[in-house]
Amino acid sequence: MLTLFLTVALVHIVALMSPGPDFFFVSQTAVSRSRKEAMMGVLGITLA
């Protein structure tokens, strides 16, 4: 039972640490456009 819990916990931690599509969207927007547009993207992601 403890082994199952530790396995699920490890998988969950790895999933939380991996960047998602929102990270790539904001990073690409900040690099290719402007910081203001990236912040607007963050605001949109937060409110969605």
PDB file of N, CA and C in Angstrom:
ATOM      1  N   MET A   1       0.825  -1.190   0.000  1.00  0.00           N
ATOM      2  CA  MET A   1       0.000   0.000   0.000  1.00  0.00           C
ATOM      3  C   MET A   1       0.872   1.257   0.000  1.00  0.00           C
ATOM      4  N   LEU A   2       1.926   1.247   0.780  1.00  0.00           N
ATOM      5  CA  LEU A   2       2.827   2.399   0.832  1.00  0.00           C
ATOM      6  C   LEU A   2       3.544   2.581  -0.494  1.00  0.00           C
ATOM      7  N   THR A   3       3.890   1.488  -1.145  1.00  0.00           N
ATOM      8  CA  THR A   3       4.564   1.571  -2.444  1.00  0.00           C
ATOM      9  C   THR A   3       3.653   2.227  -3.481  1.00  0.00           C
ATOM     10  N   LEU A   4       2.385   1.872  -3.477  1.00  0.00           N
ATOM     11  CA  LEU A   4       1.423   2.472  -4.402  1.00  0.00           C
ATOM     12  C   LEU A   4       1.298   3.972  -4.144  1.00  0.00           C
ATOM     13  N   PHE A   5       1.205   4.351  -2.885  1.00  0.00           N
ATOM     14  CA  PHE A   5       1.100   5.768  -2.534  1.00  0.00           C
ATOM     15  C   PHE A   5       2.327   6.542  -2.998  1.00  0.00           C
ATOM     16  N   LEU A   6       3.507   6.005  -2.755  1.00  0.00           N
ATOM     17  CA  LEU A   6       4.733   6.696  -3.160  1.00  0.00           C
ATOM     18  C   LEU A   6       4.843   6.805  -4.674  1.00  0.00           C
ATOM     19  N   THR A   7       4.404   5.781  -5.383  1.00  0.00           N
ATOM     20  CA  THR A   7       4.420   5.826  -6.847  1.00  0.00           C
ATOM     21  C   THR A   7       3.490   6.915  -7.367  1.00  0.00           C
ATOM     22  N   VAL A   8       2.281   6.965  -6.842  1.00  0.00           N
ATOM     23  CA  VAL A   8       1.319   7.990  -7.260  1.00  0.00           C
ATOM     24  C   VAL A   8       1.829   9.377  -6.889  1.00  0.00           C
ATOM     25  N   ALA A   9       2.410   9.528  -5.715  1.00  0.00           N
ATOM     26  CA  ALA A   9       2.949  10.818  -5.291  1.00  0.00           C
ATOM     27  C   ALA A   9       4.084  11.269  -6.203  1.00  0.00           C
ATOM     28  N   LEU A  10       4.963  10.361  -6.573  1.00  0.00           N
ATOM     29  CA  LEU A  10       6.077  10.704  -7.460  1.00  0.00           C
ATOM     30  C   LEU A  10       5.573  11.125  -8.839  1.00  0.00           C
ATOM     31  N   VAL A  11       4.616  10.391  -9.379  1.00  0.00           N
ATOM     32  CA  VAL A  11       4.051  10.746 -10.686  1.00  0.00           C
ATOM     33  C   VAL A  11       3.374  12.111 -10.611  1.00  0.00           C
ATOM     34  N   HIS A  12       2.683  12.377  -9.534  1.00  0.00           N
ATOM     35  CA  HIS A  12       2.004  13.660  -9.352  1.00  0.00           C
ATOM     36  C   HIS A  12       3.010  14.808  -9.270  1.00  0.00           C
ATOM     37  N   ILE A  13       4.085  14.631  -8.547  1.00  0.00           N
ATOM     38  CA  ILE A  13       5.115  15.669  -8.417  1.00  0.00           C
ATOM     39  C   ILE A  13       5.774  15.947  -9.765  1.00  0.00           C
ATOM     40  N   VAL A  14       6.075  14.907 -10.517  1.00  0.00           N
ATOM     41  CA  VAL A  14       6.682  15.092 -11.844  1.00  0.00           C
ATOM     42  C   VAL A  14       5.716  15.839 -12.764  1.00  0.00           C
ATOM     43  N   ALA A  15       4.436  15.507 -12.706  1.00  0.00           N
ATOM     44  CA  ALA A  15       3.441  16.190 -13.540  1.00  0.00           C
ATOM     45  C   ALA A  15       3.323  17.659 -13.159  1.00  0.00           C
ATOM     46  N   LEU A  16       3.424  17.972 -11.894  1.00  0.00           N
ATOM     47  CA  LEU A  16       3.352  19.366 -11.456  1.00  0.00           C
ATOM     48  C   LEU A  16       4.581  20.167 -11.872  1.00  0.00           C
ATOM     49  N   MET A  17       5.731  19.528 -11.950  1.00  0.00           N
ATOM     50  CA  MET A  17       6.974  20.227 -12.292  1.00  0.00           C
ATOM     51  C   MET A  17       7.124  20.464 -13.787  1.00  0.00           C
ATOM     52  N   SER A  18       6.452  19.689 -14.608  1.00  0.00           N
ATOM     53  CA  SER A  18       6.619  19.843 -16.055  1.00  0.00           C
ATOM     54  C   SER A  18       5.811  21.045 -16.543  1.00  0.00           C
ATOM     55  N   PRO A  19       6.414  21.859 -17.405  1.00  0.00           N
ATOM     56  CA  PRO A  19       5.698  23.048 -17.884  1.00  0.00           C
ATOM     57  C   PRO A  19       4.578  22.666 -18.841  1.00  0.00           C
ATOM     58  N   GLY A  20       3.527  23.425 -18.784  1.00  0.00           N
ATOM     59  CA  GLY A  20       2.381  23.161 -19.647  1.00  0.00           C
ATOM     60  C   GLY A  20       2.334  24.110 -20.832  1.00  0.00           C
ATOM     61  N   PRO A  21       1.279  24.021 -21.621  1.00  0.00           N
ATOM     62  CA  PRO A  21       1.168  24.867 -22.812  1.00  0.00           C
ATOM     63  C   PRO A  21       1.065  26.353 -22.482  1.00  0.00           C
ATOM     64  N   ASP A  22       0.507  26.681 -21.322  1.00  0.00           N
ATOM     65  CA  ASP A  22       0.412  28.094 -20.936  1.00  0.00           C
ATOM     66  C   ASP A  22       1.796  28.711 -20.770  1.00  0.00           C
ATOM     67  N   PHE A  23       2.712  27.965 -20.186  1.00  0.00           N
ATOM     68  CA  PHE A  23       4.084  28.452 -20.004  1.00  0.00           C
ATOM     69  C   PHE A  23       4.721  28.766 -21.348  1.00  0.00           C
ATOM     70  N   PHE A  24       4.557  27.858 -22.304  1.00  0.00           N
ATOM     71  CA  PHE A  24       5.163  28.070 -23.619  1.00  0.00           C
ATOM     72  C   PHE A  24       4.508  29.240 -24.351  1.00  0.00           C
ATOM     73  N   PHE A  25       3.202  29.393 -24.193  1.00  0.00           N
ATOM     74  CA  PHE A  25       2.509  30.524 -24.817  1.00  0.00           C
ATOM     75  C   PHE A  25       3.018  31.849 -24.268  1.00  0.00           C
ATOM     76  N   VAL A  26       3.104  31.962 -22.956  1.00  0.00           N
ATOM     77  CA  VAL A  26       3.552  33.212 -22.334  1.00  0.00           C
ATOM     78  C   VAL A  26       5.010  33.481 -22.673  1.00  0.00           C
ATOM     79  N   SER A  27       5.856  32.468 -22.635  1.00  0.00           N
ATOM     80  CA  SER A  27       7.276  32.653 -22.962  1.00  0.00           C
ATOM     81  C   SER A  27       7.457  33.102 -24.403  1.00  0.00           C
ATOM     82  N   GLN A  28       6.761  32.461 -25.324  1.00  0.00           N
ATOM     83  CA  GLN A  28       6.879  32.821 -26.737  1.00  0.00           C
ATOM     84  C   GLN A  28       6.354  34.237 -26.982  1.00  0.00           C
ATOM     85  N   THR A  29       5.265  34.598 -26.336  1.00  0.00           N
ATOM     86  CA  THR A  29       4.712  35.939 -26.500  1.00  0.00           C
ATOM     87  C   THR A  29       5.669  36.986 -25.942  1.00  0.00           C
ATOM     88  N   ALA A  30       6.273  36.717 -24.806  1.00  0.00           N
ATOM     89  CA  ALA A  30       7.197  37.679 -24.202  1.00  0.00           C
ATOM     90  C   ALA A  30       8.439  37.874 -25.061  1.00  0.00           C
ATOM     91  N   VAL A  31       8.913  36.819 -25.678  1.00  0.00           N
ATOM     92  CA  VAL A  31      10.128  36.918 -26.495  1.00  0.00           C
ATOM     93  C   VAL A  31       9.830  37.560 -27.844  1.00  0.00           C
ATOM     94  N   SER A  32       8.742  37.154 -28.486  1.00  0.00           N
ATOM     95  CA  SER A  32       8.486  37.619 -29.851  1.00  0.00           C
ATOM     96  C   SER A  32       7.739  38.946 -29.912  1.00  0.00           C
ATOM     97  N   ARG A  33       6.990  39.269 -28.891  1.00  0.00           N
ATOM     98  CA  ARG A  33       6.205  40.511 -28.922  1.00  0.00           C
ATOM     99  C   ARG A  33       6.685  41.446 -27.827  1.00  0.00           C
ATOM    100  N   SER A  34       5.878  41.655 -26.809  1.00  0.00           N
ATOM    101  CA  SER A  34       6.278  42.570 -25.743  1.00  0.00           C
ATOM    102  C   SER A  34       5.861  42.008 -24.390  1.00  0.00           C
ATOM    103  N   ARG A  35       6.425  42.600 -23.362  1.00  0.00           N
ATOM    104  CA  ARG A  35       6.089  42.163 -22.009  1.00  0.00           C
ATOM    105  C   ARG A  35       4.618  42.453 -21.705  1.00  0.00           C
ATOM    106  N   LYS A  36       4.131  43.585 -22.208  1.00  0.00           N
ATOM    107  CA  LYS A  36       2.738  43.952 -21.970  1.00  0.00           C
ATOM    108  C   LYS A  36       1.794  42.911 -22.571  1.00  0.00           C
ATOM    109  N   GLU A  37       2.067  42.475 -23.785  1.00  0.00           N
ATOM    110  CA  GLU A  37       1.216  41.461 -24.416  1.00  0.00           C
ATOM    111  C   GLU A  37       1.308  40.129 -23.681  1.00  0.00           C
ATOM    112  N   ALA A  38       2.488  39.808 -23.162  1.00  0.00           N
ATOM    113  CA  ALA A  38       2.632  38.577 -22.376  1.00  0.00           C
ATOM    114  C   ALA A  38       1.813  38.671 -21.092  1.00  0.00           C
ATOM    115  N   MET A  39       1.829  39.834 -20.453  1.00  0.00           N
ATOM    116  CA  MET A  39       1.044  40.012 -19.227  1.00  0.00           C
ATOM    117  C   MET A  39      -0.458  39.947 -19.524  1.00  0.00           C
ATOM    118  N   MET A  40      -0.865  40.441 -20.677  1.00  0.00           N
ATOM    119  CA  MET A  40      -2.272  40.328 -21.067  1.00  0.00           C
ATOM    120  C   MET A  40      -2.638  38.855 -21.296  1.00  0.00           C
ATOM    121  N   GLY A  41      -1.704  38.091 -21.843  1.00  0.00           N
ATOM    122  CA  GLY A  41      -1.921  36.656 -22.001  1.00  0.00           C
ATOM    123  C   GLY A  41      -2.057  35.955 -20.662  1.00  0.00           C
ATOM    124  N   VAL A  42      -1.222  36.344 -19.706  1.00  0.00           N
ATOM    125  CA  VAL A  42      -1.305  35.779 -18.353  1.00  0.00           C
ATOM    126  C   VAL A  42      -2.653  36.115 -17.731  1.00  0.00           C
ATOM    127  N   LEU A  43      -3.091  37.355 -17.913  1.00  0.00           N
ATOM    128  CA  LEU A  43      -4.388  37.763 -17.380  1.00  0.00           C
ATOM    129  C   LEU A  43      -5.512  36.940 -18.010  1.00  0.00           C
ATOM    130  N   GLY A  44      -5.436  36.737 -19.318  1.00  0.00           N
ATOM    131  CA  GLY A  44      -6.448  35.932 -19.992  1.00  0.00           C
ATOM    132  C   GLY A  44      -6.458  34.487 -19.525  1.00  0.00           C
ATOM    133  N   ILE A  45      -5.282  33.924 -19.322  1.00  0.00           N
ATOM    134  CA  ILE A  45      -5.193  32.539 -18.839  1.00  0.00           C
ATOM    135  C   ILE A  45      -5.763  32.442 -17.426  1.00  0.00           C
ATOM    136  N   THR A  46      -5.459  33.441 -16.604  1.00  0.00           N
ATOM    137  CA  THR A  46      -5.923  33.432 -15.217  1.00  0.00           C
ATOM    138  C   THR A  46      -7.442  33.541 -15.138  1.00  0.00           C
ATOM    139  N   LEU A  47      -8.021  34.380 -15.980  1.00  0.00           N
ATOM    140  CA  LEU A  47      -9.469  34.589 -15.929  1.00  0.00           C
ATOM    141  C   LEU A  47     -10.267  33.513 -16.651  1.00  0.00           C
ATOM    142  N   ALA A  48      -9.607  32.721 -17.475  1.00  0.00           N
ATOM    143  CA  ALA A  48     -10.337  31.691 -18.245  1.00  0.00           C
ATOM    144  C   ALA A  48     -10.748  30.529 -17.376  1.00  0.00           C
TER     145      ALA A  48
END
